[in-house]
Amino acid sequence: MTVGMINANPVVHERPERAAHPAHAALDALDVFDTVRDIKDPEHPYSLEQLSVLSQESVSVDEKLGHIQITFTPTVQHCSMATVIGLCLRLKLMQNFPPHFKIDIKVAPGSLANEESGA
């Protein structure tokens, strides 16, 4: 066990196969999820997807309005890394999608003891 870990024994989930989706011009939630799914957790050598911090269902895209929203769920309610996770998600999206998209990163309601300190 590493000293100082908030969640020393996270639940690690199987990684599902990447869903094949046809090439298309419209940006959708799967495109966004594929971009962020492999981001590593700040405390563990696992991806945010493997730890169920985010899933395809937690991503929404409205291309007409130029809006991307991700709602993530920290592994524990007292996660002090929620801000870091949110910033990692935001940076990855800013690097991979056009600047006209408004990006909202949110913590799932009830998943963080102090939600105001999250992303």
PDB file of N, CA and C in Angstrom:
ATOM      1  N   MET A   1       0.841  -1.180   0.000  1.00  0.00           N
ATOM      2  CA  MET A   1       0.000   0.000   0.000  1.00  0.00           C
ATOM      3  C   MET A   1       0.882   1.239   0.000  1.00  0.00           C
ATOM      4  N   THR A   2       0.559   2.173  -0.848  1.00  0.00           N
ATOM      5  CA  THR A   2       1.293   3.424  -0.938  1.00  0.00           C
ATOM      6  C   THR A   2       0.778   4.385   0.121  1.00  0.00           C
ATOM      7  N   VAL A   3       1.708   5.007   0.843  1.00  0.00           N
ATOM      8  CA  VAL A   3       1.337   5.937   1.891  1.00  0.00           C
ATOM      9  C   VAL A   3       0.651   7.151   1.268  1.00  0.00           C
ATOM     10  N   GLY A   4      -0.438   7.585   1.882  1.00  0.00           N
ATOM     11  CA  GLY A   4      -1.121   8.781   1.443  1.00  0.00           C
ATOM     12  C   GLY A   4      -2.205   8.560   0.401  1.00  0.00           C
ATOM     13  N   MET A   5      -2.451   7.338  -0.010  1.00  0.00           N
ATOM     14  CA  MET A   5      -3.515   7.097  -0.986  1.00  0.00           C
ATOM     15  C   MET A   5      -4.865   7.253  -0.329  1.00  0.00           C
ATOM     16  N   ILE A   6      -5.766   7.891  -1.030  1.00  0.00           N
ATOM     17  CA  ILE A   6      -7.112   8.093  -0.516  1.00  0.00           C
ATOM     18  C   ILE A   6      -7.935   6.828  -0.676  1.00  0.00           C
ATOM     19  N   ASN A   7      -7.781   6.150  -1.806  1.00  0.00           N
ATOM     20  CA  ASN A   7      -8.499   4.910  -2.069  1.00  0.00           C
ATOM     21  C   ASN A   7      -7.470   3.863  -2.442  1.00  0.00           C
ATOM     22  N   ALA A   8      -6.906   3.207  -1.445  1.00  0.00           N
ATOM     23  CA  ALA A   8      -5.811   2.265  -1.656  1.00  0.00           C
ATOM     24  C   ALA A   8      -6.244   0.998  -2.380  1.00  0.00           C
ATOM     25  N   ASN A   9      -7.520   0.645  -2.328  1.00  0.00           N
ATOM     26  CA  ASN A   9      -8.004  -0.585  -2.958  1.00  0.00           C
ATOM     27  C   ASN A   9      -9.222  -0.313  -3.837  1.00  0.00           C
ATOM     28  N   PRO A  10      -9.010   0.342  -4.978  1.00  0.00           N
ATOM     29  CA  PRO A  10     -10.156   0.649  -5.834  1.00  0.00           C
ATOM     30  C   PRO A  10     -10.705  -0.595  -6.515  1.00  0.00           C
ATOM     31  N   VAL A  11     -11.964  -0.535  -6.884  1.00  0.00           N
ATOM     32  CA  VAL A  11     -12.576  -1.611  -7.658  1.00  0.00           C
ATOM     33  C   VAL A  11     -12.200  -1.359  -9.120  1.00  0.00           C
ATOM     34  N   VAL A  12     -11.567  -2.346  -9.749  1.00  0.00           N
ATOM     35  CA  VAL A  12     -11.148  -2.222 -11.137  1.00  0.00           C
ATOM     36  C   VAL A  12     -12.075  -3.076 -11.983  1.00  0.00           C
ATOM     37  N   HIS A  13     -12.654  -2.478 -13.009  1.00  0.00           N
ATOM     38  CA  HIS A  13     -13.613  -3.157 -13.872  1.00  0.00           C
ATOM     39  C   HIS A  13     -12.955  -3.579 -15.172  1.00  0.00           C
ATOM     40  N   GLU A  14     -13.491  -4.618 -15.792  1.00  0.00           N
ATOM     41  CA  GLU A  14     -13.027  -5.052 -17.107  1.00  0.00           C
ATOM     42  C   GLU A  14     -13.247  -3.927 -18.097  1.00  0.00           C
ATOM     43  N   ARG A  15     -12.334  -3.795 -19.020  1.00  0.00           N
ATOM     44  CA  ARG A  15     -12.498  -2.803 -20.083  1.00  0.00           C
ATOM     45  C   ARG A  15     -13.287  -3.430 -21.211  1.00  0.00           C
ATOM     46  N   PRO A  16     -14.447  -2.886 -21.515  1.00  0.00           N
ATOM     47  CA  PRO A  16     -15.204  -3.437 -22.638  1.00  0.00           C
ATOM     48  C   PRO A  16     -14.495  -3.134 -23.951  1.00  0.00           C
ATOM     49  N   GLU A  17     -14.796  -3.927 -24.953  1.00  0.00           N
ATOM     50  CA  GLU A  17     -14.243  -3.674 -26.282  1.00  0.00           C
ATOM     51  C   GLU A  17     -14.710  -2.302 -26.756  1.00  0.00           C
ATOM     52  N   ARG A  18     -13.857  -1.650 -27.486  1.00  0.00           N
ATOM     53  CA  ARG A  18     -14.245  -0.359 -28.049  1.00  0.00           C
ATOM     54  C   ARG A  18     -15.312  -0.597 -29.106  1.00  0.00           C
ATOM     55  N   ALA A  19     -16.374   0.123 -28.987  1.00  0.00           N
ATOM     56  CA  ALA A  19     -17.475  -0.018 -29.943  1.00  0.00           C
ATOM     57  C   ALA A  19     -17.060   0.574 -31.280  1.00  0.00           C
ATOM     58  N   ALA A  20     -17.338  -0.178 -32.315  1.00  0.00           N
ATOM     59  CA  ALA A  20     -17.060   0.334 -33.657  1.00  0.00           C
ATOM     60  C   ALA A  20     -18.175   1.292 -34.033  1.00  0.00           C
ATOM     61  N   HIS A  21     -17.806   2.422 -34.541  1.00  0.00           N
ATOM     62  CA  HIS A  21     -18.816   3.345 -35.011  1.00  0.00           C
ATOM     63  C   HIS A  21     -18.384   3.879 -36.367  1.00  0.00           C
ATOM     64  N   PRO A  22     -19.342   4.101 -37.217  1.00  0.00           N
ATOM     65  CA  PRO A  22     -19.015   4.511 -38.579  1.00  0.00           C
ATOM     66  C   PRO A  22     -18.366   5.890 -38.613  1.00  0.00           C
ATOM     67  N   ALA A  23     -17.522   6.049 -39.614  1.00  0.00           N
ATOM     68  CA  ALA A  23     -16.917   7.372 -39.806  1.00  0.00           C
ATOM     69  C   ALA A  23     -18.015   8.341 -40.233  1.00  0.00           C
ATOM     70  N   HIS A  24     -18.047   9.464 -39.586  1.00  0.00           N
ATOM     71  CA  HIS A  24     -19.070  10.453 -39.899  1.00  0.00           C
ATOM     72  C   HIS A  24     -18.542  11.830 -39.546  1.00  0.00           C
ATOM     73  N   ALA A  25     -19.204  12.815 -40.040  1.00  0.00           N
ATOM     74  CA  ALA A  25     -18.760  14.185 -39.803  1.00  0.00           C
ATOM     75  C   ALA A  25     -19.232  14.715 -38.453  1.00  0.00           C
ATOM     76  N   ALA A  26     -20.349  14.203 -37.947  1.00  0.00           N
ATOM     77  CA  ALA A  26     -20.930  14.722 -36.708  1.00  0.00           C
ATOM     78  C   ALA A  26     -20.191  14.164 -35.495  1.00  0.00           C
ATOM     79  N   LEU A  27     -19.883  15.043 -34.576  1.00  0.00           N
ATOM     80  CA  LEU A  27     -19.251  14.657 -33.319  1.00  0.00           C
ATOM     81  C   LEU A  27     -20.317  14.070 -32.400  1.00  0.00           C
ATOM     82  N   ASP A  28     -20.015  12.939 -31.748  1.00  0.00           N
ATOM     83  CA  ASP A  28     -20.977  12.366 -30.822  1.00  0.00           C
ATOM     84  C   ASP A  28     -20.291  11.963 -29.519  1.00  0.00           C
ATOM     85  N   ALA A  29     -21.092  11.460 -28.584  1.00  0.00           N
ATOM     86  CA  ALA A  29     -20.582  11.101 -27.253  1.00  0.00           C
ATOM     87  C   ALA A  29     -19.508  10.020 -27.323  1.00  0.00           C
ATOM     88  N   LEU A  30     -19.632   9.097 -28.258  1.00  0.00           N
ATOM     89  CA  LEU A  30     -18.624   8.039 -28.385  1.00  0.00           C
ATOM     90  C   LEU A  30     -17.276   8.615 -28.801  1.00  0.00           C
ATOM     91  N   ASP A  31     -17.282   9.589 -29.699  1.00  0.00           N
ATOM     92  CA  ASP A  31     -16.029  10.244 -30.102  1.00  0.00           C
ATOM     93  C   ASP A  31     -15.351  10.886 -28.890  1.00  0.00           C
ATOM     94  N   VAL A  32     -16.131  11.582 -28.092  1.00  0.00           N
ATOM     95  CA  VAL A  32     -15.585  12.258 -26.913  1.00  0.00           C
ATOM     96  C   VAL A  32     -15.105  11.227 -25.895  1.00  0.00           C
ATOM     97  N   PHE A  33     -15.915  10.200 -25.643  1.00  0.00           N
ATOM     98  CA  PHE A  33     -15.528   9.174 -24.684  1.00  0.00           C
ATOM     99  C   PHE A  33     -14.242   8.476 -25.113  1.00  0.00           C
ATOM    100  N   ASP A  34     -14.125   8.156 -26.396  1.00  0.00           N
ATOM    101  CA  ASP A  34     -12.902   7.517 -26.892  1.00  0.00           C
ATOM    102  C   ASP A  34     -11.672   8.393 -26.655  1.00  0.00           C
ATOM    103  N   THR A  35     -11.860   9.690 -26.632  1.00  0.00           N
ATOM    104  CA  THR A  35     -10.754  10.616 -26.409  1.00  0.00           C
ATOM    105  C   THR A  35     -10.289  10.620 -24.954  1.00  0.00           C
ATOM    106  N   VAL A  36     -11.216  10.469 -24.011  1.00  0.00           N
ATOM    107  CA  VAL A  36     -10.861  10.613 -22.586  1.00  0.00           C
ATOM    108  C   VAL A  36     -10.808   9.300 -21.815  1.00  0.00           C
ATOM    109  N   ARG A  37     -11.259   8.213 -22.385  1.00  0.00           N
ATOM    110  CA  ARG A  37     -11.393   6.951 -21.645  1.00  0.00           C
ATOM    111  C   ARG A  37     -10.078   6.407 -21.105  1.00  0.00           C
ATOM    112  N   ASP A  38      -8.956   6.724 -21.741  1.00  0.00           N
ATOM    113  CA  ASP A  38      -7.668   6.177 -21.330  1.00  0.00           C
ATOM    114  C   ASP A  38      -6.880   7.073 -20.384  1.00  0.00           C
ATOM    115  N   ILE A  39      -7.453   8.186 -19.955  1.00  0.00           N
ATOM    116  CA  ILE A  39      -6.771   9.038 -18.979  1.00  0.00           C
ATOM    117  C   ILE A  39      -6.575   8.227 -17.702  1.00  0.00           C
ATOM    118  N   LYS A  40      -5.367   8.265 -17.180  1.00  0.00           N
ATOM    119  CA  LYS A  40      -5.045   7.502 -15.967  1.00  0.00           C
ATOM    120  C   LYS A  40      -5.507   8.246 -14.719  1.00  0.00           C
ATOM    121  N   ASP A  41      -5.939   7.479 -13.754  1.00  0.00           N
ATOM    122  CA  ASP A  41      -6.300   8.033 -12.455  1.00  0.00           C
ATOM    123  C   ASP A  41      -5.036   8.596 -11.799  1.00  0.00           C
ATOM    124  N   PRO A  42      -5.122   9.736 -11.108  1.00  0.00           N
ATOM    125  CA  PRO A  42      -3.934  10.322 -10.478  1.00  0.00           C
ATOM    126  C   PRO A  42      -3.280   9.440  -9.415  1.00  0.00           C
ATOM    127  N   GLU A  43      -4.055   8.530  -8.813  1.00  0.00           N
ATOM    128  CA  GLU A  43      -3.512   7.693  -7.738  1.00  0.00           C
ATOM    129  C   GLU A  43      -3.176   6.259  -8.148  1.00  0.00           C
ATOM    130  N   HIS A  44      -3.709   5.806  -9.270  1.00  0.00           N
ATOM    131  CA  HIS A  44      -3.594   4.391  -9.628  1.00  0.00           C
ATOM    132  C   HIS A  44      -3.174   4.222 -11.079  1.00  0.00           C
ATOM    133  N   PRO A  45      -2.637   3.066 -11.414  1.00  0.00           N
ATOM    134  CA  PRO A  45      -2.217   2.831 -12.802  1.00  0.00           C
ATOM    135  C   PRO A  45      -3.366   2.390 -13.706  1.00  0.00           C
ATOM    136  N   TYR A  46      -4.571   2.723 -13.340  1.00  0.00           N
ATOM    137  CA  TYR A  46      -5.749   2.327 -14.105  1.00  0.00           C
ATOM    138  C   TYR A  46      -6.374   3.559 -14.758  1.00  0.00           C
ATOM    139  N   SER A  47      -7.118   3.300 -15.834  1.00  0.00           N
ATOM    140  CA  SER A  47      -7.790   4.406 -16.511  1.00  0.00           C
ATOM    141  C   SER A  47      -9.050   4.811 -15.754  1.00  0.00           C
ATOM    142  N   LEU A  48      -9.542   6.003 -16.052  1.00  0.00           N
ATOM    143  CA  LEU A  48     -10.788   6.462 -15.440  1.00  0.00           C
ATOM    144  C   LEU A  48     -11.943   5.549 -15.831  1.00  0.00           C
ATOM    145  N   GLU A  49     -11.879   4.986 -17.028  1.00  0.00           N
ATOM    146  CA  GLU A  49     -12.908   4.030 -17.444  1.00  0.00           C
ATOM    147  C   GLU A  49     -12.840   2.757 -16.596  1.00  0.00           C
ATOM    148  N   GLN A  50     -11.651   2.214 -16.387  1.00  0.00           N
ATOM    149  CA  GLN A  50     -11.504   0.985 -15.607  1.00  0.00           C
ATOM    150  C   GLN A  50     -11.994   1.149 -14.175  1.00  0.00           C
ATOM    151  N   LEU A  51     -11.876   2.338 -13.634  1.00  0.00           N
ATOM    152  CA  LEU A  51     -12.315   2.599 -12.264  1.00  0.00           C
ATOM    153  C   LEU A  51     -13.770   3.068 -12.209  1.00  0.00           C
ATOM    154  N   SER A  52     -14.431   3.095 -13.352  1.00  0.00           N
ATOM    155  CA  SER A  52     -15.819   3.561 -13.474  1.00  0.00           C
ATOM    156  C   SER A  52     -15.997   5.000 -12.999  1.00  0.00           C
ATOM    157  N   VAL A  53     -14.953   5.780 -13.166  1.00  0.00           N
ATOM    158  CA  VAL A  53     -15.049   7.204 -12.864  1.00  0.00           C
ATOM    159  C   VAL A  53     -15.858   7.881 -13.971  1.00  0.00           C
ATOM    160  N   LEU A  54     -15.724   7.357 -15.196  1.00  0.00           N
ATOM    161  CA  LEU A  54     -16.556   7.840 -16.284  1.00  0.00           C
ATOM    162  C   LEU A  54     -16.896   6.698 -17.225  1.00  0.00           C
ATOM    163  N   SER A  55     -17.969   6.904 -17.976  1.00  0.00           N
ATOM    164  CA  SER A  55     -18.446   5.919 -18.939  1.00  0.00           C
ATOM    165  C   SER A  55     -19.000   6.671 -20.143  1.00  0.00           C
ATOM    166  N   GLN A  56     -19.317   5.937 -21.174  1.00  0.00           N
ATOM    167  CA  GLN A  56     -19.883   6.591 -22.357  1.00  0.00           C
ATOM    168  C   GLN A  56     -21.184   7.303 -22.004  1.00  0.00           C
ATOM    169  N   GLU A  57     -21.937   6.731 -21.078  1.00  0.00           N
ATOM    170  CA  GLU A  57     -23.208   7.332 -20.669  1.00  0.00           C
ATOM    171  C   GLU A  57     -23.024   8.650 -19.920  1.00  0.00           C
ATOM    172  N   SER A  58     -21.817   8.890 -19.411  1.00  0.00           N
ATOM    173  CA  SER A  58     -21.578  10.122 -18.659  1.00  0.00           C
ATOM    174  C   SER A  58     -21.142  11.278 -19.555  1.00  0.00           C
ATOM    175  N   VAL A  59     -21.157  11.052 -20.863  1.00  0.00           N
ATOM    176  CA  VAL A  59     -20.748  12.064 -21.831  1.00  0.00           C
ATOM    177  C   VAL A  59     -21.953  12.471 -22.663  1.00  0.00           C
ATOM    178  N   SER A  60     -22.131  13.767 -22.855  1.00  0.00           N
ATOM    179  CA  SER A  60     -23.173  14.238 -23.772  1.00  0.00           C
ATOM    180  C   SER A  60     -22.582  15.303 -24.679  1.00  0.00           C
ATOM    181  N   VAL A  61     -23.064  15.300 -25.910  1.00  0.00           N
ATOM    182  CA  VAL A  61     -22.579  16.242 -26.913  1.00  0.00           C
ATOM    183  C   VAL A  61     -23.778  16.835 -27.643  1.00  0.00           C
ATOM    184  N   ASP A  62     -23.752  18.142 -27.801  1.00  0.00           N
ATOM    185  CA  ASP A  62     -24.734  18.823 -28.650  1.00  0.00           C
ATOM    186  C   ASP A  62     -23.923  19.617 -29.659  1.00  0.00           C
ATOM    187  N   GLU A  63     -23.723  19.011 -30.807  1.00  0.00           N
ATOM    188  CA  GLU A  63     -22.871  19.664 -31.808  1.00  0.00           C
ATOM    189  C   GLU A  63     -23.486  20.955 -32.329  1.00  0.00           C
ATOM    190  N   LYS A  64     -24.803  21.006 -32.442  1.00  0.00           N
ATOM    191  CA  LYS A  64     -25.465  22.226 -32.937  1.00  0.00           C
ATOM    192  C   LYS A  64     -25.205  23.409 -32.008  1.00  0.00           C
ATOM    193  N   LEU A  65     -25.231  23.148 -30.697  1.00  0.00           N
ATOM    194  CA  LEU A  65     -24.973  24.212 -29.724  1.00  0.00           C
ATOM    195  C   LEU A  65     -23.489  24.357 -29.394  1.00  0.00           C
ATOM    196  N   GLY A  66     -22.662  23.407 -29.896  1.00  0.00           N
ATOM    197  CA  GLY A  66     -21.234  23.445 -29.594  1.00  0.00           C
ATOM    198  C   GLY A  66     -20.959  23.198 -28.126  1.00  0.00           C
ATOM    199  N   HIS A  67     -21.552  22.137 -27.581  1.00  0.00           N
ATOM    200  CA  HIS A  67     -21.472  21.873 -26.144  1.00  0.00           C
ATOM    201  C   HIS A  67     -21.070  20.419 -25.884  1.00  0.00           C
ATOM    202  N   ILE A  68     -20.057  20.231 -25.037  1.00  0.00           N
ATOM    203  CA  ILE A  68     -19.632  18.912 -24.566  1.00  0.00           C
ATOM    204  C   ILE A  68     -19.746  18.924 -23.050  1.00  0.00           C
ATOM    205  N   GLN A  69     -20.394  17.908 -22.497  1.00  0.00           N
ATOM    206  CA  GLN A  69     -20.490  17.794 -21.039  1.00  0.00           C
ATOM    207  C   GLN A  69     -20.076  16.392 -20.608  1.00  0.00           C
ATOM    208  N   ILE A  70     -19.238  16.344 -19.588  1.00  0.00           N
ATOM    209  CA  ILE A  70     -18.848  15.080 -18.966  1.00  0.00           C
ATOM    210  C   ILE A  70     -19.187  15.179 -17.486  1.00  0.00           C
ATOM    211  N   THR A  71     -19.868  14.170 -16.987  1.00  0.00           N
ATOM    212  CA  THR A  71     -20.163  14.060 -15.560  1.00  0.00           C
ATOM    213  C   THR A  71     -19.407  12.849 -15.050  1.00  0.00           C
ATOM    214  N   PHE A  72     -18.482  13.055 -14.119  1.00  0.00           N
ATOM    215  CA  PHE A  72     -17.696  11.929 -13.623  1.00  0.00           C
ATOM    216  C   PHE A  72     -18.022  11.632 -12.169  1.00  0.00           C
ATOM    217  N   THR A  73     -17.710  10.400 -11.758  1.00  0.00           N
ATOM    218  CA  THR A  73     -18.008   9.925 -10.418  1.00  0.00           C
ATOM    219  C   THR A  73     -16.714   9.481  -9.736  1.00  0.00           C
ATOM    220  N   PRO A  74     -16.204  10.238  -8.774  1.00  0.00           N
ATOM    221  CA  PRO A  74     -14.994   9.821  -8.054  1.00  0.00           C
ATOM    222  C   PRO A  74     -15.196   8.457  -7.381  1.00  0.00           C
ATOM    223  N   THR A  75     -14.109   7.745  -7.145  1.00  0.00           N
ATOM    224  CA  THR A  75     -14.201   6.407  -6.554  1.00  0.00           C
ATOM    225  C   THR A  75     -14.593   6.434  -5.081  1.00  0.00           C
ATOM    226  N   VAL A  76     -14.325   7.540  -4.411  1.00  0.00           N
ATOM    227  CA  VAL A  76     -14.710   7.678  -3.003  1.00  0.00           C
ATOM    228  C   VAL A  76     -15.276   9.084  -2.781  1.00  0.00           C
ATOM    229  N   GLN A  77     -16.148   9.238  -1.796  1.00  0.00           N
ATOM    230  CA  GLN A  77     -16.795  10.534  -1.549  1.00  0.00           C
ATOM    231  C   GLN A  77     -15.843  11.609  -1.044  1.00  0.00           C
ATOM    232  N   HIS A  78     -14.741  11.218  -0.458  1.00  0.00           N
ATOM    233  CA  HIS A  78     -13.795  12.204   0.070  1.00  0.00           C
ATOM    234  C   HIS A  78     -12.568  12.338  -0.843  1.00  0.00           C
ATOM    235  N   CYS A  79     -12.771  12.155  -2.150  1.00  0.00           N
ATOM    236  CA  CYS A  79     -11.690  12.194  -3.140  1.00  0.00           C
ATOM    237  C   CYS A  79     -11.110  13.604  -3.250  1.00  0.00           C
ATOM    238  N   SER A  80      -9.848  13.730  -2.904  1.00  0.00           N
ATOM    239  CA  SER A  80      -9.193  15.032  -3.021  1.00  0.00           C
ATOM    240  C   SER A  80      -8.624  15.241  -4.425  1.00  0.00           C
ATOM    241  N   MET A  81      -8.724  14.229  -5.273  1.00  0.00           N
ATOM    242  CA  MET A  81      -8.200  14.313  -6.635  1.00  0.00           C
ATOM    243  C   MET A  81      -9.273  14.701  -7.655  1.00  0.00           C
ATOM    244  N   ALA A  82     -10.486  15.014  -7.213  1.00  0.00           N
ATOM    245  CA  ALA A  82     -11.570  15.340  -8.139  1.00  0.00           C
ATOM    246  C   ALA A  82     -11.215  16.545  -9.007  1.00  0.00           C
ATOM    247  N   THR A  83     -10.589  17.540  -8.436  1.00  0.00           N
ATOM    248  CA  THR A  83     -10.209  18.721  -9.210  1.00  0.00           C
ATOM    249  C   THR A  83      -9.161  18.361 -10.258  1.00  0.00           C
ATOM    250  N   VAL A  84      -8.204  17.539  -9.883  1.00  0.00           N
ATOM    251  CA  VAL A  84      -7.165  17.108 -10.825  1.00  0.00           C
ATOM    252  C   VAL A  84      -7.793  16.307 -11.970  1.00  0.00           C
ATOM    253  N   ILE A  85      -8.713  15.406 -11.637  1.00  0.00           N
ATOM    254  CA  ILE A  85      -9.392  14.616 -12.665  1.00  0.00           C
ATOM    255  C   ILE A  85     -10.152  15.539 -13.611  1.00  0.00           C
ATOM    256  N   GLY A  86     -10.889  16.478 -13.068  1.00  0.00           N
ATOM    257  CA  GLY A  86     -11.637  17.421 -13.890  1.00  0.00           C
ATOM    258  C   GLY A  86     -10.735  18.235 -14.806  1.00  0.00           C
ATOM    259  N   LEU A  87      -9.600  18.672 -14.297  1.00  0.00           N
ATOM    260  CA  LEU A  87      -8.662  19.440 -15.114  1.00  0.00           C
ATOM    261  C   LEU A  87      -8.039  18.580 -16.210  1.00  0.00           C
ATOM    262  N   CYS A  88      -7.740  17.331 -15.909  1.00  0.00           N
ATOM    263  CA  CYS A  88      -7.203  16.411 -16.924  1.00  0.00           C
ATOM    264  C   CYS A  88      -8.212  16.201 -18.048  1.00  0.00           C
ATOM    265  N   LEU A  89      -9.471  16.010 -17.670  1.00  0.00           N
ATOM    266  CA  LEU A  89     -10.524  15.845 -18.673  1.00  0.00           C
ATOM    267  C   LEU A  89     -10.639  17.097 -19.543  1.00  0.00           C
ATOM    268  N   ARG A  90     -10.688  18.258 -18.903  1.00  0.00           N
ATOM    269  CA  ARG A  90     -10.825  19.524 -19.639  1.00  0.00           C
ATOM    270  C   ARG A  90      -9.657  19.730 -20.608  1.00  0.00           C
ATOM    271  N   LEU A  91      -8.448  19.511 -20.147  1.00  0.00           N
ATOM    272  CA  LEU A  91      -7.273  19.715 -20.987  1.00  0.00           C
ATOM    273  C   LEU A  91      -7.299  18.779 -22.197  1.00  0.00           C
ATOM    274  N   LYS A  92      -7.620  17.517 -21.969  1.00  0.00           N
ATOM    275  CA  LYS A  92      -7.682  16.547 -23.066  1.00  0.00           C
ATOM    276  C   LYS A  92      -8.718  16.968 -24.105  1.00  0.00           C
ATOM    277  N   LEU A  93      -9.869  17.444 -23.654  1.00  0.00           N
ATOM    278  CA  LEU A  93     -10.911  17.888 -24.579  1.00  0.00           C
ATOM    279  C   LEU A  93     -10.476  19.145 -25.331  1.00  0.00           C
ATOM    280  N   MET A  94      -9.855  20.072 -24.634  1.00  0.00           N
ATOM    281  CA  MET A  94      -9.403  21.311 -25.274  1.00  0.00           C
ATOM    282  C   MET A  94      -8.337  21.031 -26.330  1.00  0.00           C
ATOM    283  N   GLN A  95      -7.521  20.010 -26.102  1.00  0.00           N
ATOM    284  CA  GLN A  95      -6.463  19.662 -27.045  1.00  0.00           C
ATOM    285  C   GLN A  95      -6.996  18.914 -28.269  1.00  0.00           C
ATOM    286  N   ASN A  96      -8.163  18.299 -28.152  1.00  0.00           N
ATOM    287  CA  ASN A  96      -8.639  17.412 -29.211  1.00  0.00           C
ATOM    288  C   ASN A  96      -9.885  17.868 -29.963  1.00  0.00           C
ATOM    289  N   PHE A  97     -10.531  18.913 -29.495  1.00  0.00           N
ATOM    290  CA  PHE A  97     -11.756  19.368 -30.151  1.00  0.00           C
ATOM    291  C   PHE A  97     -11.663  20.864 -30.453  1.00  0.00           C
ATOM    292  N   PRO A  98     -12.422  21.307 -31.451  1.00  0.00           N
ATOM    293  CA  PRO A  98     -12.348  22.722 -31.850  1.00  0.00           C
ATOM    294  C   PRO A  98     -12.650  23.677 -30.688  1.00  0.00           C
ATOM    295  N   PRO A  99     -12.039  24.850 -30.709  1.00  0.00           N
ATOM    296  CA  PRO A  99     -12.190  25.782 -29.592  1.00  0.00           C
ATOM    297  C   PRO A  99     -13.588  26.377 -29.436  1.00  0.00           C
ATOM    298  N   HIS A 100     -14.445  26.230 -30.439  1.00  0.00           N
ATOM    299  CA  HIS A 100     -15.794  26.786 -30.297  1.00  0.00           C
ATOM    300  C   HIS A 100     -16.683  25.940 -29.383  1.00  0.00           C
ATOM    301  N   PHE A 101     -16.243  24.736 -29.001  1.00  0.00           N
ATOM    302  CA  PHE A 101     -17.048  23.913 -28.099  1.00  0.00           C
ATOM    303  C   PHE A 101     -16.946  24.424 -26.666  1.00  0.00           C
ATOM    304  N   LYS A 102     -18.088  24.582 -26.039  1.00  0.00           N
ATOM    305  CA  LYS A 102     -18.141  24.888 -24.605  1.00  0.00           C
ATOM    306  C   LYS A 102     -18.002  23.557 -23.884  1.00  0.00           C
ATOM    307  N   ILE A 103     -17.093  23.485 -22.938  1.00  0.00           N
ATOM    308  CA  ILE A 103     -16.818  22.235 -22.232  1.00  0.00           C
ATOM    309  C   ILE A 103     -17.253  22.386 -20.786  1.00  0.00           C
ATOM    310  N   ASP A 104     -18.146  21.499 -20.351  1.00  0.00           N
ATOM    311  CA  ASP A 104     -18.569  21.458 -18.950  1.00  0.00           C
ATOM    312  C   ASP A 104     -18.138  20.126 -18.356  1.00  0.00           C
ATOM    313  N   ILE A 105     -17.410  20.197 -17.258  1.00  0.00           N
ATOM    314  CA  ILE A 105     -16.994  19.004 -16.520  1.00  0.00           C
ATOM    315  C   ILE A 105     -17.671  19.091 -15.165  1.00  0.00           C
ATOM    316  N   LYS A 106     -18.438  18.071 -14.826  1.00  0.00           N
ATOM    317  CA  LYS A 106     -19.189  18.092 -13.564  1.00  0.00           C
ATOM    318  C   LYS A 106     -18.941  16.822 -12.768  1.00  0.00           C
ATOM    319  N   VAL A 107     -19.140  16.925 -11.475  1.00  0.00           N
ATOM    320  CA  VAL A 107     -19.091  15.773 -10.581  1.00  0.00           C
ATOM    321  C   VAL A 107     -20.532  15.277 -10.431  1.00  0.00           C
ATOM    322  N   ALA A 108     -20.724  13.970 -10.520  1.00  0.00           N
ATOM    323  CA  ALA A 108     -22.068  13.411 -10.396  1.00  0.00           C
ATOM    324  C   ALA A 108     -22.671  13.812  -9.051  1.00  0.00           C
ATOM    325  N   PRO A 109     -23.915  14.253  -9.049  1.00  0.00           N
ATOM    326  CA  PRO A 109     -24.561  14.665  -7.801  1.00  0.00           C
ATOM    327  C   PRO A 109     -24.522  13.556  -6.749  1.00  0.00           C
ATOM    328  N   GLY A 110     -24.121  13.936  -5.544  1.00  0.00           N
ATOM    329  CA  GLY A 110     -24.082  12.991  -4.439  1.00  0.00           C
ATOM    330  C   GLY A 110     -22.852  12.097  -4.396  1.00  0.00           C
ATOM    331  N   SER A 111     -21.934  12.262  -5.354  1.00  0.00           N
ATOM    332  CA  SER A 111     -20.775  11.378  -5.397  1.00  0.00           C
ATOM    333  C   SER A 111     -19.549  11.932  -4.677  1.00  0.00           C
ATOM    334  N   LEU A 112     -19.615  13.171  -4.253  1.00  0.00           N
ATOM    335  CA  LEU A 112     -18.486  13.804  -3.588  1.00  0.00           C
ATOM    336  C   LEU A 112     -18.995  14.509  -2.341  1.00  0.00           C
ATOM    337  N   ALA A 113     -18.324  14.288  -1.220  1.00  0.00           N
ATOM    338  CA  ALA A 113     -18.777  14.871   0.039  1.00  0.00           C
ATOM    339  C   ALA A 113     -18.854  16.395  -0.045  1.00  0.00           C
ATOM    340  N   ASN A 114     -17.862  17.001  -0.694  1.00  0.00           N
ATOM    341  CA  ASN A 114     -17.843  18.456  -0.843  1.00  0.00           C
ATOM    342  C   ASN A 114     -17.820  18.774  -2.330  1.00  0.00           C
ATOM    343  N   GLU A 115     -18.969  18.737  -2.978  1.00  0.00           N
ATOM    344  CA  GLU A 115     -19.052  18.881  -4.424  1.00  0.00           C
ATOM    345  C   GLU A 115     -18.546  20.228  -4.914  1.00  0.00           C
ATOM    346  N   GLU A 116     -18.587  21.255  -4.109  1.00  0.00           N
ATOM    347  CA  GLU A 116     -18.117  22.556  -4.533  1.00  0.00           C
ATOM    348  C   GLU A 116     -16.618  22.558  -4.792  1.00  0.00           C
ATOM    349  N   SER A 117     -15.859  21.628  -4.184  1.00  0.00           N
ATOM    350  CA  SER A 117     -14.419  21.607  -4.389  1.00  0.00           C
ATOM    351  C   SER A 117     -14.044  20.762  -5.596  1.00  0.00           C
ATOM    352  N   GLY A 118     -15.024  20.097  -6.234  1.00  0.00           N
ATOM    353  CA  GLY A 118     -14.740  19.273  -7.409  1.00  0.00           C
ATOM    354  C   GLY A 118     -14.474  20.136  -8.615  1.00  0.00           C
ATOM    355  N   ALA A 119     -14.408  19.470  -9.758  1.00  0.00           N
ATOM    356  CA  ALA A 119     -14.108  20.167 -11.009  1.00  0.00           C
ATOM    357  C   ALA A 119     -15.237  21.118 -11.299  1.00  0.00           C
TER     358      ALA A 119
END
